[in-house]
Structures are given as C-alpha cells and as structure tokens.
Amino acid sequence: MRNVYSVSQVNRYIRNMFSEDYFLQSVLVRGEVSNCKYHSSGHIYFTLKDASGTLSCVMFAGRRRGLSFRMQEGDQVIAAGTVDVYERDGRYQLYADRIIRDGVGLLNQRYEMLKRKLEESGMFDELYKKPIPRYIRTLGVVTAPTGAAVQDIINISLRRNPYLQIILYPAVVQGEGAAPSICEGIRTLDAYGVDVMIIGRGGGSIEDLWAFNEESVAEAVFECQTPVISAVGHETDTVITDYVADLRAPTPSAAAELAVFSYDQFQRDLRMYSEQLEGSMRSRLLQLRQNTDSLKRELIHLSPASKVRDRRMYTAQCLDRLQAAMDKKLRECRQKADQQERLQMRMDRKLSEARGSMRLFAAQLEQRSPLAKLSGGFGFITDRDGTAVTRAEMVHTGDLLNIRLRDGKIETAVTHVETGAQ
C-alpha cells in the first residue's frame, strides 16, 4: 500500500520546495491592487491581479518602510518580495518587502529599492571596505574595450607609471547581457590576482548605466577579494556599485589617478627618503659615538687600574699631609724644647742668683745665730717642753733642763736656785 501523508506534512513539503527555489526568494511582480485591507496590527493584506490570474499578498508592519504611498484599489504597482507557503491554510502568497507604483519612475524606484535592500544587508558598511594599495604593479580594468573611458584609464595610468601592467577584461557594459559580463570580468581578474581593479564606463542615461545597478553586479563587487574602484559615468552619476565598491571615483580618469601612483613622484619621494635616512643615520651614528665616548670615559673611571691609580694618588696625598703634619709637629716640639731650654737657662740663672743671695743671707744669719754666740762659752737653756729659760725664777730645784752648746746638748737637773744674784 502506498504511503499516506498528513495535510501538514504535504504543506511542509510544498513550503520546502518554495524555500529552495532561488527565483521565488527575490521576485518582482507587477499587477493591479484589489481587496486591499490595512489591518489594525499594521499589516497590509491585498491581492495582485492581471487579466489571467491573481496572487495573494501581505506586507507586514515591520516592512511598511518599503511603501512610500497609500495603496488603493486599482493601483498599478510592482511588488518585490518572497513567495512562500502559509502552512496552516495550505496556500502560497507573496510576502512583500517593497512596493512601488508601476509606470512612474520605475527605474528610479527599482534603484531606491535595491539601494535600501543592500544597505540594510550591510553591503555598504565601511567595515568591509578594503584599502587601496599605494604602490601597485598590475591594474585590472573591467570596461568596454572601445571608447573614451578605457583610453583615458590606459593613457593616464601609463603616464603616471610607464612600468605598470594593465590587464583589460573587455566586458559588455550596456544592454542585455551586460550584468553577467561585468560579473564574469570581476571574478576573472580577481582570480588572476591583480593589485587593484577598476570597473566602469563613460557617461550616459540611467538606462545606459543600469547594468551597474543590478544586484548581481553589486554582489560580485562585494565578494571580490581585490580592492575595487567604481568609476561609472560622470561625477554627478551615482550607481549601486559606487556604494558597494571600496572606493568611488567621479570619472574613469579620476579612477586611474587614484589607483596608479606617479612614478616621478615616487622617485622624488625615494630621494627625499634616502636623504632623510642618511641624515638620520649620520645623526644616529654621531649620537652613538658620543654615547660610546661617554661610556669609555666612565669605564676608564670605573676600571680597577684607574681605582688603583686614584688610591695611590690618595695615599701619596695622605703621606704628604702626614709628613707635613709631622714636620710641623717636630718644628713645634723643637720650638717648645728651645723655649724650655731658654726657660731652664733663665731658671738656672735665677737659681744661681738665688744661691748667691742665700749664701749671703746665710753668712749674715750665721753671724747673728745664737750658736755663734754659744761658741764663746755660752749655752741655750730650755726646759723639758722646749721652753727657753731666760730667768732663774722660771725653774725650781729638781727641774730637768737642757743646755744646748755649739757642739752638743747637756741634760742636767737643778739642785739649787738662787734669784737676784749678780
């Protein structure tokens, strides 16, 4: 028996088929608006129809920025969005992201819609912009092989740098097949490995430049690993690739100026840098020599031999100071010895004079001494206490007396005292 599936399984299977179809993920549908309802939630439900069919559509409230006017019954519009299946009801519908009026500035509306879409996806973000190398050897150019644009790029590039290698990819830049040709040129030169790539063409109408407003070209520029310069039309012309590219040039000639460095200026810069380098090296060498000389002097000052010489010099100075101090002390000692000698001489002279005076005084004293008188038969009488006895009444019978003579002393006892005798 064959497999039996539930309704939800069938709806889910059909939805998966829709989600895997690349064409239905981003589609533009032209039709007449009918059954248009603005829901209180902000969603817009409507139907697009033409002479042979209808398509259910919805624009959620979060996508209302993609609608710049209020839709009404009978409006001819172009809706951009995704066709998907609503599983619960088992029906497919268009989930619209942007809606524009049909027949009124269609290309401008498509341009604005794509610009807004790519900007919201982040393809214009500066974070993804690659810097343009200052010095390049190979330049890739994606443009028409004939015309003023390619000649301007070649002439200006080779005038600025005659050694530059230019690789041209002859692309179709207008009409049917232009967008795939430009994309193929970008991918081919990116794989070849050029240093910088210029994509562009000369001026024209918006229809002529439209290939550079295609989403496929914008994606090819965004995915390119080589830095890309967009140079489409004149300075006032602006295309989608200008926003996606790493750098926008107002004209193809300006793109060549921005991409290719001037070889003559490069030579002048080299000479200037060489002179600056030589000057810096000379200045640095002079500074290093000065530092070396300073370190040499410091090393000599800190070397053991220098320290030994310094110590010897210090020792010699100390010895000189010590010898000078000793000589000074010796002179002082000699001066003191001379002073003492002169003092001793004065003392001896004084002593001699004193001895002479003393001998004179001794002679005089000897003449006046009682002993001198005692030598004439006189004696000096004292009692036992040493008191001189000058009168008879000072002694009594039996007292012991001492009689001092010139040549000795006599101890005697008093046997008789007589006072008043002559």
Foldseek 3Di string as FASTA:
>chain_A
DDDDDDLLVVLVVVQVVQVPDPDQAKDKDKFFWDPWDQDPQRKIWIWGDDPPDIFTEIEHNVLCVQEPDDDDGGFTKIFIGGWGADSVVSDIHGHGNHMDGPPDPVVVSLLVVLLVVCVVVPLLPLVLFDDADPAFAEEEEEEAPDDDLVVLLVVLLCQQPVRHHYHYQHADQADPPRLVRSLVSLVVVLVVPGQEYEYEYEADDCRGRVSQQDPSNLVSQQPRPHQYEYAYYAQPDDHSNCSNGSHYARHSNRVSVVNHHGVVVVVVVVVVVVVVVVVVVVVVVVVVVVVVVVVVVVCCCVPPVNVVVVVVVVVVVVVVVVVVVVVVVVVVVVVVVVVVVVVVVVVVVVVVVVVVVVVVVVVVCVVVPVQVVLVVVAWFKAFPVRHTDDFLVVDDAQGWMWTQHNVGIDIDGHHDTDHPDD
